[in-house]
Amino acid sequence: MLFSLLQSGKTSIANFLSESINIEEAETPRPTQGVRIVEFELSNLSVNGKSNNIDIELWDCSGDHRFESCWPALRAGVQGVILVCAPTTAHAATRELELLYNYYVSQPKLSAKQCVVFYNCTEEQDDVETLNLSPTFSKVSQLAINLKTGGNRLKIDFSNYIASVMQSINKDV
């Protein structure tokens, strides 16, 4: 599940990770209405020393609170959560990310390894430390990403995150 503050770039990230767009040709995305599900395969992912092809179902969820009544349905069966914010939304990020973390990670009893925070930056604004997140996020990976200049790094970070989620899920089985 990909969840974020309004206008933080989660749709562009989902489209890039699923290879449904070339980032140089991407148009300005429209706000997500409710949820949009993106399906793709992650090939040759190493989990517990074995190479796997993993089917990904990435739920691109609106950050608009008018869709909050849908949250219980979105949370059902969640296995991992990606929280996204951007420099333009950083001022509201701390409180909002805490709310989302509590609802989508803490309440369904996911581990911190099943969550990651992507700070969607430009070259000038690439310091995730500027978020100043609460101690709640001390065990959660927090990664500065840049689609235009660091797309390959994002794909590696995403693959590592998915491997971590898969290891957490396999522990519980």
Foldseek 3Di string as FASTA:
>chain_A
DEEEAPPQCLVVVLCLLQVVDDSVPDDPDDFDDAKDWDWHWDFQQAAPNDGDIDIDTDIRGGNDCVNVVCLVVVQVPDLAYEYEGEPVCLVVCQVSVVVCCCSRDVVVPHDLLRYAYEYEYDPVDFDQVVSVHDCVNVSHHYGYDYCVPHSVVSNVVVSVSVSSSVNSVVVVD
